[in-house]
Amino acid sequence: MNLAVIMTLLFSCKNNETKTKSSNPLIYENEVNFKNMRQLTFEGENAEAYWSYDDSKLIFQATNENWGQSCDQIYIIDTNNYTLKTEMPQMVSLGLGRTTCSYFLPGDSTIVYASTHLEDAKCPHVPERRVDGKYVWPIYDSYDIFIADLNGNILRKLTSSDGYDAEATVSPRGDKIVFTSIRSGDLELYTCNLNGDNVKQITNQLGYDGGAFFSHDGNKLVFRSSRPKTESEVKEYKDLLSQGLVQPTNMEIYTCNIDGSNLKQITNLGKANWSPFFHPSDEKIIFCSNHNSQRGFPFNLFMIDIDGNNLKQITYDDTFDSFPVFSNDGNKIVFSSNRNNGGTRSTNVFIADWVE
């Protein structure tokens, strides 16, 4: 799910005025873990950029009217290609419906992503701002997960259950996919083999479980969860879910083994904590949070040990940083940000060397 696309419509309504003491104007003061930052995209809504297994390419989703698309489609670009200010990247989705959550499969010749195109070639309706002012995400029941080649040809439909199936990522071992599905009546995590066989339910507690990633050794999952507890919270969650909506303003980070055992809540910060990814050591988790924000934003990147200790702030943005993903060799990081957008609402993709 492209969280940046929706969130930036709400939160990136002013120019980022953070000043930098770095020789690189894209790196803000106190962002000591970044070096040699480069900007990959320059307009529109660009998010969820993920590395190929050999780290030579990035796959990401974007909405860019100048690329002829009015809602998210999937694109691929070489990691050393910084021409998107004047050129259009290779689109590998069909250009129909809305797509999300793309990821390379082993061998880097095929990809997995979710799309709504089978139900309607048009972009699905975006929910209106609610009368009660509460912020919600749409959970489109037309999403299914597909495997395609790099020429855009769909090779296999991976899911066939009714309702939402999306948010697929692939194990570094190259043997499993994790995804979010509503097939049980709630938004739970599932794993399956690369061909869609051997589907197993991983989570089973009431609440939205999504945005899961494998640890680098393939043994664990990290993900975001809402966990309604009070009677009123449970009622609100179920009422919204019946309308195809979730409210993402109260989420925490969890981990578990790939079979669902050893479930642990890692953060207890309040507000929205999401977009987690394992540090190359598998001993820390980087994630996005607005827990210390007063008005819902800014969202910044933070890192925490897998036992929930040693919280550290990584970015110091005025508006929005999210979707952090380390390269497979651990030397670089890619993330999406509102920095350097000239006061517009565009969210762009940035790459930097990672410094411990």
Protein backbone atom coordinates (compact mmCIF):
# COMPACT_ATOMS: atom_id res chain seq x y z
CA MET A 1 0.00 0.00 0.00
CA ASN A 2 1.45 3.38 -1.00
CA LEU A 3 1.25 5.15 2.34
CA ALA A 4 3.28 8.12 1.17
CA VAL A 5 0.83 8.93 -1.60
CA ILE A 6 -2.02 9.31 0.86
CA MET A 7 -0.14 10.74 3.81
CA THR A 8 1.64 13.47 1.91
CA LEU A 9 -1.67 14.87 0.72
CA LEU A 10 -2.31 15.60 4.38
CA PHE A 11 1.07 16.41 5.77
CA SER A 12 3.37 17.88 3.10
CA CYS A 13 1.67 21.22 2.77
CA LYS A 14 4.66 23.42 3.51
CA ASN A 15 8.17 23.77 2.25
CA ASN A 16 10.82 21.87 4.15
CA GLU A 17 12.96 24.50 5.83
CA THR A 18 15.33 22.20 7.71
CA LYS A 19 18.86 23.54 7.35
CA THR A 20 21.82 21.31 6.73
CA LYS A 21 25.41 21.58 7.86
CA SER A 22 26.43 18.79 5.49
CA SER A 23 28.30 19.42 2.26
CA ASN A 24 25.46 17.47 0.66
CA PRO A 25 22.33 19.70 0.70
CA LEU A 26 20.07 16.64 0.73
CA ILE A 27 21.45 15.51 4.09
CA TYR A 28 20.12 17.40 7.09
CA GLU A 29 21.88 18.25 10.31
CA ASN A 30 22.31 15.25 12.65
CA GLU A 31 21.70 12.70 9.86
CA VAL A 32 25.05 11.09 10.61
CA ASN A 33 24.20 7.70 9.09
CA PHE A 34 23.94 9.09 5.55
CA LYS A 35 26.67 9.86 3.04
CA ASN A 36 26.66 10.61 -0.69
CA MET A 37 22.88 10.99 -0.88
CA ARG A 38 21.36 11.17 -4.36
CA GLN A 39 17.82 11.98 -5.46
CA LEU A 40 16.31 9.44 -7.85
CA THR A 41 12.87 10.94 -8.66
CA PHE A 42 11.83 14.57 -8.89
CA GLU A 43 8.04 14.89 -9.05
CA GLY A 44 4.82 13.05 -8.37
CA GLU A 45 4.34 10.43 -5.66
CA ASN A 46 7.14 7.86 -5.56
CA ALA A 47 7.46 5.27 -2.82
CA GLU A 48 8.22 1.71 -1.75
CA ALA A 49 11.49 1.32 -3.64
CA TYR A 50 13.03 -2.14 -3.23
CA TRP A 51 16.38 -3.52 -4.38
CA SER A 52 16.99 -6.35 -6.81
CA TYR A 53 18.87 -9.31 -5.36
CA ASP A 54 22.11 -8.11 -6.98
CA ASP A 55 21.46 -4.49 -5.84
CA SER A 56 21.78 -3.19 -9.41
CA LYS A 57 18.12 -2.17 -9.81
CA LEU A 58 15.25 -0.65 -7.87
CA ILE A 59 11.58 -1.40 -8.34
CA PHE A 60 9.12 1.21 -7.08
CA GLN A 61 5.60 2.51 -7.45
CA ALA A 62 4.73 5.98 -8.65
CA THR A 63 1.89 8.27 -9.63
CA ASN A 64 3.14 10.82 -12.12
CA GLU A 65 0.80 12.57 -14.53
CA ASN A 66 3.77 13.38 -16.79
CA TRP A 67 4.35 9.64 -17.13
CA GLY A 68 0.76 9.24 -18.34
CA GLN A 69 -0.62 7.60 -15.18
CA SER A 70 -3.20 8.91 -12.72
CA CYS A 71 -2.63 6.28 -10.01
CA ASP A 72 0.21 4.04 -8.87
CA GLN A 73 2.04 1.89 -11.40
CA ILE A 74 5.25 -0.13 -11.08
CA TYR A 75 8.61 0.99 -12.52
CA ILE A 76 12.18 -0.30 -12.62
CA ILE A 77 15.39 1.69 -12.89
CA ASP A 78 19.11 0.99 -12.52
CA THR A 79 20.43 2.24 -9.20
CA ASN A 80 23.08 4.35 -10.95
CA ASN A 81 20.56 6.02 -13.31
CA TYR A 82 19.68 9.52 -12.13
CA THR A 83 17.93 10.77 -15.26
CA LEU A 84 14.31 10.75 -14.05
CA LYS A 85 14.19 14.53 -13.94
CA THR A 86 13.98 14.41 -17.74
CA GLU A 87 13.23 10.79 -18.61
CA MET A 88 10.58 8.21 -17.80
CA PRO A 89 11.63 4.89 -16.25
CA GLN A 90 10.59 1.49 -17.58
CA MET A 91 7.01 0.66 -16.53
CA VAL A 92 6.59 -3.05 -15.77
CA SER A 93 2.94 -3.06 -14.68
CA LEU A 94 0.06 -2.98 -17.14
CA GLY A 95 -0.94 0.66 -16.69
CA LEU A 96 -4.39 -0.52 -15.60
CA GLY A 97 -6.08 -0.20 -12.21
CA ARG A 98 -3.92 0.60 -9.18
CA THR A 99 -0.80 -1.36 -8.29
CA THR A 100 1.23 -1.60 -5.10
CA CYS A 101 3.99 -3.38 -3.21
CA SER A 102 6.29 -4.70 -5.94
CA TYR A 103 9.31 -6.87 -5.19
CA PHE A 104 11.98 -8.75 -7.12
CA LEU A 105 11.95 -12.53 -7.14
CA PRO A 106 15.19 -14.59 -7.09
CA GLY A 107 17.15 -14.23 -10.30
CA ASP A 108 15.94 -10.63 -10.82
CA SER A 109 14.08 -11.60 -14.00
CA THR A 110 10.60 -11.71 -12.47
CA ILE A 111 8.68 -9.56 -9.99
CA VAL A 112 5.66 -9.82 -7.71
CA TYR A 113 3.14 -7.03 -7.16
CA ALA A 114 -0.53 -6.43 -6.35
CA SER A 115 -3.03 -4.92 -8.76
CA THR A 116 -6.74 -4.11 -9.01
CA HIS A 117 -6.87 -4.35 -12.81
CA LEU A 118 -8.93 -7.56 -13.04
CA GLU A 119 -11.96 -5.83 -11.53
CA ASP A 120 -11.60 -2.48 -13.30
CA ALA A 121 -9.03 -0.94 -15.63
CA LYS A 122 -9.72 2.46 -14.05
CA CYS A 123 -8.14 3.75 -10.86
CA PRO A 124 -10.26 2.74 -7.84
CA HIS A 125 -12.08 5.40 -5.87
CA VAL A 126 -10.12 7.14 -3.11
CA PRO A 127 -12.19 7.60 0.06
CA GLU A 128 -13.45 11.09 0.77
CA ARG A 129 -12.23 12.92 3.85
CA ARG A 130 -14.43 11.62 6.65
CA VAL A 131 -16.93 13.89 8.35
CA ASP A 132 -15.44 12.95 11.73
CA GLY A 133 -12.01 14.04 10.45
CA LYS A 134 -10.39 10.66 11.09
CA TYR A 135 -7.75 9.55 8.65
CA VAL A 136 -8.29 6.18 6.91
CA TRP A 137 -6.67 3.94 4.32
CA PRO A 138 -8.70 2.07 1.68
CA ILE A 139 -8.38 -1.71 1.63
CA TYR A 140 -9.46 -2.48 -1.94
CA ASP A 141 -11.03 -5.94 -2.20
CA SER A 142 -10.02 -5.98 -5.88
CA TYR A 143 -6.31 -6.35 -5.06
CA ASP A 144 -4.74 -9.64 -6.08
CA ILE A 145 -1.07 -10.59 -6.27
CA PHE A 146 0.63 -11.38 -9.58
CA ILE A 147 4.00 -12.53 -10.86
CA ALA A 148 5.28 -10.82 -14.01
CA ASP A 149 8.43 -10.61 -16.10
CA LEU A 150 10.42 -7.44 -16.65
CA ASN A 151 8.63 -6.78 -19.93
CA GLY A 152 5.33 -6.40 -18.11
CA ASN A 153 3.88 -9.78 -19.04
CA ILE A 154 1.87 -11.37 -16.23
CA LEU A 155 3.03 -14.96 -15.77
CA ARG A 156 0.88 -16.10 -12.87
CA LYS A 157 -1.96 -14.95 -10.63
CA LEU A 158 -0.71 -15.86 -7.18
CA THR A 159 -3.89 -15.34 -5.12
CA SER A 160 -7.48 -16.37 -5.78
CA SER A 161 -9.36 -15.73 -2.53
CA ASP A 162 -12.07 -13.08 -2.28
CA GLY A 163 -11.06 -9.71 -0.87
CA TYR A 164 -7.81 -7.88 -0.25
CA ASP A 165 -4.52 -9.67 -1.06
CA ALA A 166 -1.49 -7.37 -1.25
CA GLU A 167 1.69 -6.18 0.47
CA ALA A 168 3.85 -9.07 -0.74
CA THR A 169 7.59 -9.22 -0.07
CA VAL A 170 10.09 -12.03 -0.68
CA SER A 171 12.51 -13.80 1.64
CA PRO A 172 16.23 -13.20 1.06
CA ARG A 173 16.47 -17.00 1.00
CA GLY A 174 14.34 -16.92 -2.14
CA ASP A 175 11.90 -19.55 -0.93
CA LYS A 176 8.88 -17.73 0.54
CA ILE A 177 6.56 -14.78 0.07
CA VAL A 178 4.78 -12.99 2.91
CA PHE A 179 1.63 -10.99 2.24
CA THR A 180 -1.46 -9.50 3.90
CA SER A 181 -4.90 -10.95 3.24
CA ILE A 182 -8.44 -10.53 4.55
CA ARG A 183 -9.42 -14.11 3.63
CA SER A 184 -10.02 -14.97 7.31
CA GLY A 185 -12.26 -11.94 7.83
CA ASP A 186 -9.43 -9.90 9.37
CA LEU A 187 -6.21 -8.45 7.94
CA GLU A 188 -3.62 -11.10 8.75
CA LEU A 189 -0.18 -12.14 7.51
CA TYR A 190 0.28 -15.25 5.38
CA THR A 191 3.26 -16.95 3.78
CA CYS A 192 3.41 -19.14 0.68
CA ASN A 193 5.91 -20.67 -1.69
CA LEU A 194 7.00 -18.67 -4.73
CA ASN A 195 4.42 -20.47 -6.87
CA GLY A 196 1.57 -19.70 -4.45
CA ASP A 197 1.42 -23.16 -2.89
CA ASN A 198 1.64 -24.03 0.81
CA VAL A 199 -0.25 -20.98 2.11
CA LYS A 200 0.04 -20.61 5.89
CA GLN A 201 -1.61 -18.09 8.19
CA ILE A 202 1.00 -16.41 10.40
CA THR A 203 -0.92 -13.93 12.61
CA ASN A 204 -4.32 -14.43 14.22
CA GLN A 205 -5.04 -11.49 16.55
CA LEU A 206 -7.68 -8.86 15.82
CA GLY A 207 -6.18 -5.85 14.07
CA TYR A 208 -4.40 -4.89 10.88
CA ASP A 209 -1.13 -6.79 10.30
CA GLY A 210 0.75 -5.60 7.25
CA GLY A 211 3.88 -4.27 5.61
CA ALA A 212 5.90 -7.37 6.55
CA PHE A 213 9.53 -8.01 5.68
CA PHE A 214 11.80 -10.98 6.28
CA SER A 215 15.00 -10.73 8.28
CA HIS A 216 18.15 -11.13 6.20
CA ASP A 217 18.63 -14.69 7.48
CA GLY A 218 15.03 -15.50 6.53
CA ASN A 219 14.08 -16.63 10.04
CA LYS A 220 11.91 -13.74 11.24
CA LEU A 221 9.28 -11.25 10.10
CA VAL A 222 8.90 -7.62 11.09
CA PHE A 223 5.60 -5.84 10.47
CA ARG A 224 3.21 -3.08 11.57
CA SER A 225 0.07 -3.81 13.55
CA SER A 226 -2.94 -2.12 14.99
CA ARG A 227 -4.28 -3.91 18.06
CA PRO A 228 -7.70 -2.58 19.11
CA LYS A 229 -8.28 -3.48 22.74
CA THR A 230 -11.20 -1.60 24.25
CA GLU A 231 -14.79 -2.32 23.28
CA SER A 232 -15.06 1.00 21.43
CA GLU A 233 -11.74 0.43 19.59
CA VAL A 234 -12.83 -3.04 18.50
CA LYS A 235 -16.19 -1.75 17.29
CA GLU A 236 -14.59 1.08 15.33
CA TYR A 237 -12.04 -1.25 13.76
CA LYS A 238 -14.69 -3.76 12.67
CA ASP A 239 -17.05 -1.04 11.42
CA LEU A 240 -14.32 0.51 9.27
CA LEU A 241 -13.15 -2.87 7.99
CA SER A 242 -16.69 -3.68 6.86
CA GLN A 243 -16.45 -0.54 4.70
CA GLY A 244 -13.07 -1.55 3.27
CA LEU A 245 -11.17 0.93 5.47
CA VAL A 246 -8.56 0.89 8.22
CA GLN A 247 -7.40 3.70 10.48
CA PRO A 248 -3.57 3.67 10.57
CA THR A 249 -3.03 6.36 13.20
CA ASN A 250 -2.21 3.93 16.03
CA MET A 251 0.22 1.18 15.00
CA GLU A 252 3.25 -0.44 16.58
CA ILE A 253 6.09 -2.62 15.29
CA TYR A 254 6.06 -6.39 15.93
CA THR A 255 8.30 -9.32 15.09
CA CYS A 256 7.71 -13.08 14.99
CA ASN A 257 9.29 -16.21 13.61
CA ILE A 258 8.27 -17.08 10.06
CA ASP A 259 5.80 -19.65 11.42
CA GLY A 260 4.15 -17.03 13.66
CA SER A 261 5.71 -18.19 16.90
CA ASN A 262 7.58 -15.94 19.33
CA LEU A 263 5.39 -12.90 18.58
CA LYS A 264 6.88 -9.77 20.19
CA GLN A 265 5.81 -6.14 20.31
CA ILE A 266 8.95 -4.10 19.68
CA THR A 267 7.69 -0.52 19.98
CA ASN A 268 5.28 1.01 22.44
CA LEU A 269 5.55 4.61 21.32
CA GLY A 270 1.97 5.53 20.46
CA LYS A 271 0.70 7.16 17.26
CA ALA A 272 1.77 5.69 13.88
CA ASN A 273 4.84 3.44 13.78
CA TRP A 274 5.18 1.58 10.49
CA SER A 275 7.31 0.75 7.44
CA PRO A 276 9.80 -1.40 9.41
CA PHE A 277 12.83 -3.12 7.89
CA PHE A 278 15.62 -5.16 9.45
CA HIS A 279 19.08 -3.64 9.78
CA PRO A 280 21.71 -5.76 7.93
CA SER A 281 22.76 -7.26 11.28
CA ASP A 282 19.18 -8.44 11.99
CA GLU A 283 19.76 -7.05 15.49
CA LYS A 284 18.01 -3.72 14.85
CA ILE A 285 14.94 -2.44 13.03
CA ILE A 286 14.62 0.81 11.12
CA PHE A 287 11.10 2.22 10.84
CA CYS A 288 9.00 5.35 10.29
CA SER A 289 7.20 7.12 13.13
CA ASN A 290 5.42 10.30 14.13
CA HIS A 291 5.40 9.42 17.83
CA ASN A 292 7.07 12.67 18.90
CA SER A 293 5.04 14.87 16.55
CA GLN A 294 2.36 17.23 17.80
CA ARG A 295 0.20 17.62 14.67
CA GLY A 296 0.47 14.25 12.97
CA PHE A 297 3.70 15.19 11.22
CA PRO A 298 6.64 15.15 10.77
CA PHE A 299 7.30 11.47 10.10
CA ASN A 300 10.94 10.52 10.53
CA LEU A 301 13.07 7.39 10.47
CA PHE A 302 14.09 5.76 13.74
CA MET A 303 16.07 2.67 14.67
CA ILE A 304 15.54 0.34 17.61
CA ASP A 305 17.11 -2.89 18.87
CA ILE A 306 15.04 -6.04 18.35
CA ASP A 307 14.50 -6.20 22.11
CA GLY A 308 12.85 -2.76 22.06
CA ASN A 309 15.77 -0.86 23.56
CA ASN A 310 18.08 1.91 22.32
CA LEU A 311 15.66 3.97 20.22
CA LYS A 312 17.63 6.29 17.92
CA GLN A 313 16.41 8.97 15.52
CA ILE A 314 17.90 8.63 12.02
CA THR A 315 16.33 11.45 9.98
CA TYR A 316 15.46 15.01 11.01
CA ASP A 317 12.90 16.09 8.43
CA ASP A 318 10.16 18.71 8.83
CA THR A 319 7.58 16.68 6.94
CA PHE A 320 7.92 13.06 5.79
CA ASP A 321 10.56 10.33 5.56
CA SER A 322 9.53 6.69 5.22
CA PHE A 323 9.95 3.33 3.45
CA PRO A 324 13.60 2.73 4.45
CA VAL A 325 15.17 -0.35 2.85
CA PHE A 326 18.81 -1.47 3.09
CA SER A 327 20.58 -2.88 0.05
CA ASN A 328 21.32 -6.59 0.20
CA ASP A 329 25.03 -5.88 0.73
CA GLY A 330 24.16 -3.52 3.59
CA ASN A 331 26.14 -0.60 2.14
CA LYS A 332 23.27 1.59 1.00
CA ILE A 333 19.78 2.64 2.00
CA VAL A 334 16.86 3.82 -0.10
CA PHE A 335 13.87 5.74 1.29
CA SER A 336 11.10 8.12 0.27
CA SER A 337 10.95 11.72 1.43
CA ASN A 338 9.35 15.12 0.96
CA ARG A 339 12.76 16.80 1.24
CA ASN A 340 13.90 18.99 -1.63
CA ASN A 341 10.43 19.10 -3.19
CA GLY A 342 10.27 22.89 -3.53
CA GLY A 343 7.26 23.19 -1.27
CA THR A 344 5.14 20.91 -3.44
CA ARG A 345 3.41 17.72 -2.31
CA SER A 346 5.74 15.44 -4.22
CA THR A 347 7.33 12.46 -2.49
CA ASN A 348 10.59 11.29 -4.01
CA VAL A 349 13.04 8.41 -3.74
CA PHE A 350 16.54 8.98 -2.32
CA ILE A 351 19.59 6.71 -2.15
CA ALA A 352 22.49 7.14 0.27
CA ASP A 353 25.53 5.29 1.52
CA TRP A 354 24.86 3.91 5.01
CA VAL A 355 27.37 4.85 7.70
CA GLU A 356 27.38 3.02 11.06
